[in-house]
Amino acid sequence: MSNSSAAKAHLTLVPRTVHILAGAHAPSPDSWDDRRTSIRRTLSELSWLTQVRVKYGPAVSLIDLSTGGAQIETTSYRLQPGSTVVVQIDAESGMIAVPSLVLRSYVSRIAPSGTAYRSALAFKRRIDLPDLAAAKKSDRDLYLVHEHAKLNVELRCLDESMPPHGGTTGPAVTGVGRAALAAALAIMESPSGRGAGGTFSREMSRLLRVITSGLTNGTAPHVILDQVVEGMRRAVPAQVIRVVNGVSQAGIPAEATCFDVPSPAGGCAARLVVECPRGCRLDSEHRTFLKAAAHLVTLITEIDQVMGARDRAATAEITCDLPVGWKRLVVRYLDGRLLKGFTTEFAPAKGQVHVWMVPNGPEASRTTVPIGQLKAIFFVHDLEGDPAHRPGVDTSVEHGRRIEVTFVDGELLAGTTLTYSAEGRGFFVTPLDTRGNNLRIFVAPGAVHQVKFP
């Protein structure tokens, strides 16, 4: 890709269609017959793409995509070189599944969230990517001011969800985050931001929407940050965008471009590191976009700190005895997120579970989670658990039929069940380890890979 064509490709949406081609094709720049010469598209050139995942595995971060293969990154999940996997490429218009050979896989970075592995895949059949040159701009308009207002509403809800003790209520708890959001908005409304055009506003709106949706759905802040970083990669011609804590340049390639992430106390808390493909560069619109996005990283960091303070305060206020009818539970999402809290009632037939941060808490502290998003719900003795506990089996108190459940992520659960049905809306499992933290486990139907009755 030449410098000029790469620069023109930024912030451009393409048709939301993707098809598998069959039959012979004349040689072309994207020829599947020679995978190494195929043009590799970064995420900013694939706006029709909504998600890439390994079938029966996790969602992945796409580095680049061509007609004959892809580079992906997975976290705490390594693909074995020489193995065959099925890659699912999702677009709003549909999904295609492509059998792929894992050519290589290696550690790309180590972070607190887990080890990241970068893998190169060769597709076993050719796919057709939309013609970027013929792409038309989306008619969908995401209004920047509207998204900014919605995010402010969610920040107020976060304020109100704080336990009303210890002087921690009020807008001050997100004061740093609000200042970061205001700084981001100032960049968006600056002459350089306004001069970037409507596409710049739409892409910034997408980032605000990701944060708003995350707060609404109770998404863990580190997951929100991953989604925002992925949104940045949709808007600029970058192979890799990552947040590196601190100001050290160690481990940062010399050719990478860095943007400071402001700290709550002033100065620089982290760096937004951007690595572009060879021959591509960031223009003034990209830089303005990333400067504003760096302030959103500060906002997410503040949200993480506020949620942590809220959860610690809630835990401190709760005695060993719960109010009548309340239960402790840990909700585990399909994508690995965790949500801890309390509930008074749970009926699978309703298709959702309500989770409060504190028993009898305000409505603002309640999160409603659809069962379709879940792996399982763990009803527990204690929200923190006992890391030193070693699982055991007490067969003298078994009730129901023995069952072994293999989840789609490979985890195995053994216990007994009285409610299993292959066509049901999920089922309960009582663990065999009666001395463990789990009292009962609800298994969501969409999370099951295999069920055995030993």
Protein backbone atom coordinates (compact mmCIF):
# COMPACT_ATOMS: atom_id res chain seq x y z
CA MET A 1 0.00 0.00 0.00
CA SER A 2 1.48 3.37 -0.93
CA ASN A 3 1.73 6.32 1.44
CA SER A 4 -0.97 8.25 -0.37
CA SER A 5 -3.46 5.38 -0.56
CA ALA A 6 -2.87 4.48 3.07
CA ALA A 7 -3.54 8.03 4.17
CA LYS A 8 -6.75 8.19 2.16
CA ALA A 9 -7.97 4.94 3.72
CA HIS A 10 -8.26 6.39 7.23
CA LEU A 11 -11.61 6.92 8.91
CA THR A 12 -13.45 5.49 5.89
CA LEU A 13 -16.37 3.11 6.16
CA VAL A 14 -16.96 0.38 3.61
CA PRO A 15 -20.09 -1.60 2.66
CA ARG A 16 -21.25 -4.00 5.36
CA THR A 17 -21.11 -7.07 3.11
CA VAL A 18 -18.72 -9.96 2.82
CA HIS A 19 -18.99 -13.03 0.62
CA ILE A 20 -17.04 -16.20 0.04
CA LEU A 21 -15.93 -16.49 -3.55
CA ALA A 22 -16.02 -19.81 -5.36
CA GLY A 23 -14.41 -20.87 -8.59
CA ALA A 24 -11.33 -19.67 -10.38
CA HIS A 25 -10.23 -16.04 -10.47
CA ALA A 26 -7.70 -14.23 -12.53
CA PRO A 27 -4.54 -13.15 -10.70
CA SER A 28 -5.00 -9.90 -8.79
CA PRO A 29 -3.21 -7.86 -6.12
CA ASP A 30 -5.25 -9.81 -3.53
CA SER A 31 -4.55 -13.18 -5.17
CA TRP A 32 -5.16 -16.10 -2.83
CA ASP A 33 -2.68 -18.18 -4.82
CA ASP A 34 0.21 -16.22 -3.32
CA ARG A 35 -0.72 -15.32 0.24
CA ARG A 36 2.43 -13.27 0.84
CA THR A 37 1.54 -10.82 -1.95
CA SER A 38 -2.05 -10.32 -0.75
CA ILE A 39 -2.85 -6.80 0.37
CA ARG A 40 -3.22 -6.75 4.13
CA ARG A 41 -6.01 -4.56 5.47
CA THR A 42 -5.79 -2.99 8.91
CA LEU A 43 -8.91 -2.62 11.04
CA SER A 44 -9.41 0.99 9.93
CA GLU A 45 -10.11 -0.36 6.42
CA LEU A 46 -12.62 -2.96 7.60
CA SER A 47 -15.46 -0.93 9.11
CA TRP A 48 -18.01 -3.56 8.03
CA LEU A 49 -16.34 -6.04 10.40
CA THR A 50 -17.90 -6.31 13.86
CA GLN A 51 -15.94 -9.17 15.46
CA VAL A 52 -13.42 -11.91 14.78
CA ARG A 53 -13.27 -14.99 17.00
CA VAL A 54 -12.03 -18.55 17.00
CA LYS A 55 -14.94 -20.99 16.91
CA TYR A 56 -15.44 -22.49 20.36
CA GLY A 57 -12.80 -20.05 21.56
CA PRO A 58 -12.44 -16.40 22.54
CA ALA A 59 -12.91 -13.23 20.56
CA VAL A 60 -9.57 -12.09 19.15
CA SER A 61 -7.89 -8.81 18.26
CA LEU A 62 -7.37 -8.54 14.52
CA ILE A 63 -3.96 -7.20 13.42
CA ASP A 64 -4.56 -7.43 9.67
CA LEU A 65 -6.69 -9.35 7.21
CA SER A 66 -6.21 -10.37 3.58
CA THR A 67 -8.03 -12.64 1.14
CA GLY A 68 -5.77 -15.53 2.09
CA GLY A 69 -5.05 -15.13 5.80
CA ALA A 70 -4.91 -13.00 8.90
CA GLN A 71 -2.79 -11.99 11.86
CA ILE A 72 -4.57 -12.09 15.20
CA GLU A 73 -3.80 -11.66 18.89
CA THR A 74 -5.30 -13.68 21.73
CA THR A 75 -4.95 -13.12 25.46
CA SER A 76 -4.12 -16.09 27.71
CA TYR A 77 -5.08 -18.41 24.86
CA ARG A 78 -2.38 -19.77 22.57
CA LEU A 79 -3.08 -21.37 19.20
CA GLN A 80 -0.84 -24.33 18.39
CA PRO A 81 1.27 -24.00 15.20
CA GLY A 82 0.30 -26.66 12.68
CA SER A 83 -3.24 -27.01 14.03
CA THR A 84 -6.42 -26.14 12.16
CA VAL A 85 -8.92 -23.69 13.62
CA VAL A 86 -12.14 -22.21 12.31
CA VAL A 87 -12.15 -18.41 12.25
CA GLN A 88 -15.53 -16.68 12.46
CA ILE A 89 -15.67 -13.26 10.79
CA ASP A 90 -18.79 -11.36 11.80
CA ALA A 91 -20.37 -8.43 9.97
CA GLU A 92 -23.76 -6.82 10.54
CA SER A 93 -24.94 -8.50 7.33
CA GLY A 94 -23.91 -11.99 8.43
CA MET A 95 -21.09 -14.29 9.41
CA ILE A 96 -18.63 -16.49 7.54
CA ALA A 97 -16.54 -19.32 8.96
CA VAL A 98 -13.13 -19.99 7.42
CA PRO A 99 -11.03 -23.10 8.20
CA SER A 100 -7.48 -21.88 8.79
CA LEU A 101 -4.02 -23.33 9.34
CA VAL A 102 -2.01 -21.86 12.24
CA LEU A 103 1.37 -21.06 10.68
CA ARG A 104 3.04 -19.64 13.79
CA SER A 105 2.22 -18.32 17.24
CA TYR A 106 4.48 -16.42 19.65
CA VAL A 107 4.32 -14.22 22.75
CA SER A 108 3.82 -10.61 21.67
CA ARG A 109 3.61 -9.00 25.10
CA ILE A 110 3.06 -9.75 28.77
CA ALA A 111 0.61 -7.58 30.73
CA PRO A 112 -1.31 -7.78 34.05
CA SER A 113 -4.41 -8.87 32.11
CA GLY A 114 -2.53 -11.89 30.71
CA THR A 115 0.00 -13.00 28.13
CA ALA A 116 -0.82 -11.95 24.56
CA TYR A 117 -0.04 -14.32 21.69
CA ARG A 118 0.22 -13.22 18.06
CA SER A 119 -0.66 -15.87 15.51
CA ALA A 120 -0.45 -15.99 11.71
CA LEU A 121 -3.24 -17.89 9.95
CA ALA A 122 -3.52 -19.13 6.37
CA PHE A 123 -7.11 -19.55 5.16
CA LYS A 124 -7.91 -22.87 3.49
CA ARG A 125 -10.21 -21.09 1.06
CA ARG A 126 -10.23 -17.60 -0.36
CA ILE A 127 -12.50 -14.88 0.99
CA ASP A 128 -13.42 -11.70 -0.83
CA LEU A 129 -12.97 -8.37 0.92
CA PRO A 130 -15.13 -5.40 -0.15
CA ASP A 131 -13.49 -3.10 -2.70
CA LEU A 132 -12.14 -0.22 -0.64
CA ALA A 133 -11.79 2.07 -3.64
CA ALA A 134 -15.48 1.67 -4.48
CA ALA A 135 -16.63 1.99 -0.87
CA LYS A 136 -19.30 4.53 0.00
CA LYS A 137 -19.53 6.41 3.25
CA SER A 138 -22.07 5.18 5.74
CA ASP A 139 -25.25 7.19 6.02
CA ARG A 140 -25.34 6.39 9.71
CA ASP A 141 -24.72 9.57 11.70
CA LEU A 142 -23.53 9.35 15.29
CA TYR A 143 -24.04 12.74 16.91
CA LEU A 144 -21.07 13.74 19.05
CA VAL A 145 -22.99 16.07 21.36
CA HIS A 146 -25.70 13.44 21.92
CA GLU A 147 -23.17 10.73 22.82
CA HIS A 148 -21.32 13.14 25.14
CA ALA A 149 -24.58 13.91 26.97
CA LYS A 150 -25.44 10.21 27.34
CA LEU A 151 -22.02 9.49 28.82
CA ASN A 152 -22.47 12.30 31.35
CA VAL A 153 -25.77 10.71 32.43
CA GLU A 154 -24.02 7.38 33.03
CA LEU A 155 -21.31 9.12 35.05
CA ARG A 156 -24.01 10.64 37.25
CA CYS A 157 -25.47 7.15 37.74
CA LEU A 158 -22.03 5.95 38.77
CA ASP A 159 -21.90 8.77 41.33
CA GLU A 160 -25.32 7.80 42.71
CA SER A 161 -24.35 4.13 43.00
CA MET A 162 -21.74 4.95 45.68
CA PRO A 163 -22.83 3.89 49.19
CA PRO A 164 -24.08 7.01 51.05
CA HIS A 165 -21.43 6.86 53.79
CA GLY A 166 -18.00 8.29 54.46
CA GLY A 167 -18.54 11.45 52.43
CA THR A 168 -17.88 9.66 49.13
CA THR A 169 -21.04 10.67 47.32
CA GLY A 170 -21.44 13.45 44.80
CA PRO A 171 -19.85 14.41 41.51
CA ALA A 172 -16.41 14.72 43.13
CA VAL A 173 -15.89 10.95 42.86
CA THR A 174 -15.61 11.30 39.08
CA GLY A 175 -14.12 14.78 39.07
CA VAL A 176 -10.91 13.64 37.41
CA GLY A 177 -12.84 11.64 34.84
CA ARG A 178 -15.11 14.57 34.07
CA ALA A 179 -12.08 16.81 33.58
CA ALA A 180 -10.58 14.25 31.19
CA LEU A 181 -13.86 14.05 29.27
CA ALA A 182 -14.01 17.84 29.08
CA ALA A 183 -10.44 17.92 27.75
CA ALA A 184 -11.32 15.35 25.09
CA LEU A 185 -14.39 17.38 24.08
CA ALA A 186 -12.27 20.54 23.88
CA ILE A 187 -9.99 18.81 21.38
CA MET A 188 -12.99 17.61 19.38
CA GLU A 189 -14.37 21.16 19.22
CA SER A 190 -10.99 22.80 18.52
CA PRO A 191 -10.24 24.14 15.02
CA SER A 192 -8.26 20.99 14.20
CA GLY A 193 -11.10 18.79 15.45
CA ARG A 194 -13.77 20.65 13.53
CA GLY A 195 -11.55 20.75 10.48
CA ALA A 196 -11.27 16.96 10.54
CA GLY A 197 -14.84 16.69 9.27
CA GLY A 198 -17.89 14.56 10.00
CA THR A 199 -16.09 11.24 9.87
CA PHE A 200 -13.83 12.31 12.74
CA SER A 201 -16.92 13.17 14.81
CA ARG A 202 -18.55 9.82 14.05
CA GLU A 203 -15.46 7.86 15.10
CA MET A 204 -15.11 9.86 18.32
CA SER A 205 -18.81 9.25 18.94
CA ARG A 206 -18.18 5.54 18.63
CA LEU A 207 -15.60 5.69 21.41
CA LEU A 208 -17.98 7.64 23.68
CA ARG A 209 -20.69 5.11 22.93
CA VAL A 210 -18.41 2.22 23.92
CA ILE A 211 -17.78 3.80 27.33
CA THR A 212 -21.46 4.62 27.83
CA SER A 213 -22.57 1.09 26.92
CA GLY A 214 -19.92 -0.36 29.20
CA LEU A 215 -21.17 1.63 32.17
CA THR A 216 -24.77 0.74 31.36
CA ASN A 217 -24.05 -2.99 31.11
CA GLY A 218 -21.69 -3.20 34.07
CA THR A 219 -18.68 -4.05 31.90
CA ALA A 220 -15.35 -4.26 33.69
CA PRO A 221 -13.24 -1.13 33.04
CA HIS A 222 -10.31 -3.11 31.59
CA VAL A 223 -12.71 -4.62 29.03
CA ILE A 224 -14.04 -1.13 28.19
CA LEU A 225 -10.45 -0.01 27.65
CA ASP A 226 -9.79 -2.93 25.30
CA GLN A 227 -12.91 -2.02 23.32
CA VAL A 228 -11.89 1.64 23.10
CA VAL A 229 -8.43 0.68 21.87
CA GLU A 230 -10.04 -1.56 19.27
CA GLY A 231 -12.18 1.42 18.23
CA MET A 232 -9.05 3.51 17.77
CA ARG A 233 -7.66 0.87 15.44
CA ARG A 234 -10.83 1.14 13.36
CA ALA A 235 -10.17 4.83 12.84
CA VAL A 236 -6.46 5.00 12.04
CA PRO A 237 -4.19 2.88 9.80
CA ALA A 238 -2.43 1.15 12.70
CA GLN A 239 -1.50 -2.48 13.18
CA VAL A 240 -1.05 -2.15 16.94
CA ILE A 241 -2.37 0.35 19.48
CA ARG A 242 -1.66 -0.31 23.13
CA VAL A 243 -1.55 1.49 26.46
CA VAL A 244 1.80 1.27 28.26
CA ASN A 245 1.83 2.34 31.91
CA GLY A 246 4.48 4.84 32.93
CA VAL A 247 6.66 7.04 30.77
CA SER A 248 9.54 4.66 30.12
CA GLN A 249 10.42 4.05 26.48
CA ALA A 250 11.59 0.49 27.25
CA GLY A 251 10.03 -2.00 24.89
CA ILE A 252 8.54 0.67 22.61
CA PRO A 253 9.78 0.46 18.98
CA ALA A 254 11.67 3.52 17.77
CA GLU A 255 9.32 3.92 14.80
CA ALA A 256 6.18 3.93 17.00
CA THR A 257 4.25 7.14 17.69
CA CYS A 258 3.40 7.86 21.34
CA PHE A 259 0.66 10.02 22.87
CA ASP A 260 0.66 10.97 26.56
CA VAL A 261 -2.20 9.71 28.73
CA PRO A 262 -2.70 12.47 31.37
CA SER A 263 -2.56 11.40 35.01
CA PRO A 264 -5.11 12.55 37.64
CA ALA A 265 -2.36 14.52 39.41
CA GLY A 266 -1.10 16.09 36.20
CA GLY A 267 1.72 14.96 34.01
CA CYS A 268 1.82 11.66 32.15
CA ALA A 269 0.51 8.41 33.68
CA ALA A 270 0.88 6.21 30.59
CA ARG A 271 1.53 6.28 26.87
CA LEU A 272 -0.72 5.43 23.96
CA VAL A 273 1.65 3.58 21.63
CA VAL A 274 0.69 3.44 17.93
CA GLU A 275 2.52 1.18 15.46
CA CYS A 276 1.62 1.63 11.78
CA PRO A 277 2.32 -0.77 8.91
CA ARG A 278 5.43 -0.09 6.88
CA GLY A 279 4.73 2.66 4.35
CA CYS A 280 1.81 4.15 6.31
CA ARG A 281 1.82 7.28 8.44
CA LEU A 282 -0.42 9.29 10.73
CA ASP A 283 -1.73 12.55 9.34
CA SER A 284 -3.03 15.54 11.31
CA GLU A 285 -6.56 14.08 11.59
CA HIS A 286 -5.20 10.85 13.06
CA ARG A 287 -3.11 12.76 15.60
CA THR A 288 -6.01 14.94 16.70
CA PHE A 289 -8.19 11.84 17.06
CA LEU A 290 -5.58 10.01 19.17
CA LYS A 291 -4.87 13.02 21.41
CA ALA A 292 -8.58 13.18 22.29
CA ALA A 293 -8.73 9.40 22.71
CA ALA A 294 -5.82 9.52 25.18
CA HIS A 295 -7.99 11.63 27.51
CA LEU A 296 -10.70 8.96 27.29
CA VAL A 297 -8.12 6.46 28.56
CA THR A 298 -7.70 8.72 31.61
CA LEU A 299 -11.49 8.71 32.06
CA ILE A 300 -11.61 4.90 31.99
CA THR A 301 -8.78 4.71 34.53
CA GLU A 302 -10.75 7.00 36.84
CA ILE A 303 -13.90 4.88 36.36
CA ASP A 304 -11.89 1.83 37.36
CA GLN A 305 -10.72 3.55 40.55
CA VAL A 306 -14.24 4.76 41.40
CA MET A 307 -15.74 1.30 40.88
CA GLY A 308 -13.03 -0.23 43.04
CA ALA A 309 -13.71 2.27 45.84
CA ARG A 310 -17.45 1.65 45.54
CA ASP A 311 -17.05 -2.12 45.74
CA ARG A 312 -14.70 -1.90 48.71
CA ALA A 313 -17.09 0.41 50.52
CA ALA A 314 -20.02 -1.90 49.77
CA THR A 315 -18.14 -4.93 51.05
CA ALA A 316 -17.14 -3.12 54.24
CA GLU A 317 -20.78 -2.29 55.00
CA ILE A 318 -22.06 -5.83 54.64
CA THR A 319 -22.09 -8.08 57.68
CA CYS A 320 -21.94 -11.85 57.60
CA ASP A 321 -25.73 -12.06 57.73
CA LEU A 322 -27.64 -10.89 54.67
CA PRO A 323 -31.12 -9.40 54.80
CA VAL A 324 -33.84 -12.00 54.37
CA GLY A 325 -34.19 -13.15 50.77
CA TRP A 326 -30.83 -11.82 49.54
CA LYS A 327 -28.09 -14.02 48.09
CA ARG A 328 -24.48 -13.40 47.13
CA LEU A 329 -23.58 -14.23 43.54
CA VAL A 330 -20.77 -13.98 41.03
CA VAL A 331 -21.86 -13.54 37.41
CA ARG A 332 -19.38 -14.75 34.79
CA TYR A 333 -19.84 -13.51 31.21
CA LEU A 334 -19.00 -15.53 28.10
CA ASP A 335 -16.13 -13.14 27.36
CA GLY A 336 -14.54 -13.69 30.77
CA ARG A 337 -15.84 -10.62 32.62
CA LEU A 338 -16.95 -10.94 36.25
CA LEU A 339 -19.71 -9.13 38.11
CA LYS A 340 -20.09 -9.62 41.87
CA GLY A 341 -23.08 -8.56 43.90
CA PHE A 342 -26.40 -9.59 45.42
CA THR A 343 -29.84 -10.62 44.23
CA THR A 344 -33.21 -11.35 45.79
CA GLU A 345 -34.70 -13.52 43.10
CA PHE A 346 -33.59 -15.37 40.02
CA ALA A 347 -35.86 -17.17 37.55
CA PRO A 348 -34.21 -18.50 34.34
CA ALA A 349 -37.54 -18.20 32.52
CA LYS A 350 -37.25 -14.39 32.75
CA GLY A 351 -34.10 -14.51 30.63
CA GLN A 352 -32.15 -12.13 32.86
CA VAL A 353 -30.65 -11.65 36.31
CA HIS A 354 -30.68 -8.50 38.44
CA VAL A 355 -27.48 -7.78 40.37
CA TRP A 356 -27.25 -5.14 43.12
CA MET A 357 -23.96 -3.81 44.46
CA VAL A 358 -25.46 -3.80 47.98
CA PRO A 359 -28.60 -5.45 49.39
CA ASN A 360 -31.56 -3.07 49.38
CA GLY A 361 -29.39 -0.63 47.42
CA PRO A 362 -30.65 2.17 45.15
CA GLU A 363 -31.90 1.38 41.67
CA ALA A 364 -28.79 3.06 40.25
CA SER A 365 -26.68 0.27 41.79
CA ARG A 366 -28.65 -2.46 40.00
CA THR A 367 -27.35 -4.09 36.83
CA THR A 368 -29.60 -6.24 34.65
CA VAL A 369 -27.74 -8.90 32.69
CA PRO A 370 -29.34 -11.02 29.90
CA ILE A 371 -28.66 -14.74 30.37
CA GLY A 372 -27.61 -14.93 26.70
CA GLN A 373 -24.43 -12.98 27.60
CA LEU A 374 -23.46 -15.34 30.41
CA LYS A 375 -21.36 -18.42 30.96
CA ALA A 376 -22.67 -19.18 34.46
CA ILE A 377 -24.00 -17.67 37.70
CA PHE A 378 -22.29 -18.79 40.92
CA PHE A 379 -24.30 -18.49 44.14
CA VAL A 380 -21.58 -18.28 46.80
CA HIS A 381 -20.89 -18.15 50.53
CA ASP A 382 -18.47 -15.24 50.17
CA LEU A 383 -17.76 -12.79 47.34
CA GLU A 384 -14.00 -13.01 47.81
CA GLY A 385 -13.69 -16.80 48.15
CA ASP A 386 -10.71 -18.66 49.59
CA PRO A 387 -7.72 -18.89 47.20
CA ALA A 388 -6.07 -21.44 49.51
CA HIS A 389 -9.00 -23.88 49.34
CA ARG A 390 -8.32 -27.23 47.64
CA PRO A 391 -11.37 -28.83 45.95
CA GLY A 392 -12.66 -32.10 47.35
CA VAL A 393 -15.57 -34.48 46.74
CA ASP A 394 -18.20 -35.48 49.30
CA THR A 395 -20.28 -38.23 47.68
CA SER A 396 -22.33 -38.82 50.84
CA VAL A 397 -24.49 -35.76 50.20
CA GLU A 398 -25.13 -36.18 46.47
CA HIS A 399 -28.61 -35.21 45.30
CA GLY A 400 -29.65 -35.68 41.70
CA ARG A 401 -27.82 -37.04 38.72
CA ARG A 402 -24.05 -36.79 38.33
CA ILE A 403 -23.08 -34.46 35.48
CA GLU A 404 -19.93 -33.15 33.84
CA VAL A 405 -20.25 -29.93 31.87
CA THR A 406 -17.56 -28.76 29.44
CA PHE A 407 -17.90 -25.04 28.69
CA VAL A 408 -17.06 -23.49 25.32
CA ASP A 409 -13.86 -22.07 26.83
CA GLY A 410 -12.73 -25.57 27.84
CA GLU A 411 -13.45 -25.34 31.60
CA LEU A 412 -14.89 -28.50 33.19
CA LEU A 413 -17.59 -28.44 35.89
CA ALA A 414 -18.53 -31.59 37.83
CA GLY A 415 -21.53 -31.90 40.13
CA THR A 416 -25.11 -33.09 40.34
CA THR A 417 -28.26 -31.74 38.73
CA LEU A 418 -32.01 -32.06 39.10
CA THR A 419 -32.98 -29.57 36.37
CA TYR A 420 -30.95 -30.48 33.28
CA SER A 421 -32.78 -30.36 29.95
CA ALA A 422 -31.09 -30.20 26.55
CA GLU A 423 -33.85 -27.84 25.33
CA GLY A 424 -34.11 -25.80 28.51
CA ARG A 425 -33.10 -22.25 29.35
CA GLY A 426 -30.14 -23.41 31.40
CA PHE A 427 -29.85 -25.63 34.46
CA PHE A 428 -28.52 -25.70 38.01
CA VAL A 429 -25.55 -27.76 39.17
CA THR A 430 -24.72 -28.50 42.81
CA PRO A 431 -20.95 -28.89 43.21
CA LEU A 432 -19.54 -32.08 44.71
CA ASP A 433 -17.17 -30.01 46.84
CA THR A 434 -19.45 -29.14 49.77
CA ARG A 435 -16.68 -27.26 51.58
CA GLY A 436 -16.01 -24.90 48.68
CA ASN A 437 -17.31 -21.38 48.17
CA ASN A 438 -19.93 -22.31 45.57
CA LEU A 439 -23.39 -23.19 46.87
CA ARG A 440 -25.06 -23.69 43.52
CA ILE A 441 -24.20 -22.88 39.92
CA PHE A 442 -26.56 -21.91 37.13
CA VAL A 443 -25.16 -22.91 33.72
CA ALA A 444 -26.30 -20.71 30.82
CA PRO A 445 -27.33 -22.71 27.71
CA GLY A 446 -25.16 -20.74 25.29
CA ALA A 447 -22.00 -21.55 27.24
CA VAL A 448 -22.17 -25.36 27.02
CA HIS A 449 -19.92 -27.27 24.64
CA GLN A 450 -20.58 -30.80 25.91
CA VAL A 451 -22.50 -32.58 28.68
CA LYS A 452 -21.68 -36.03 30.07
CA PHE A 453 -23.39 -38.20 32.67
CA PRO A 454 -20.64 -40.36 34.25
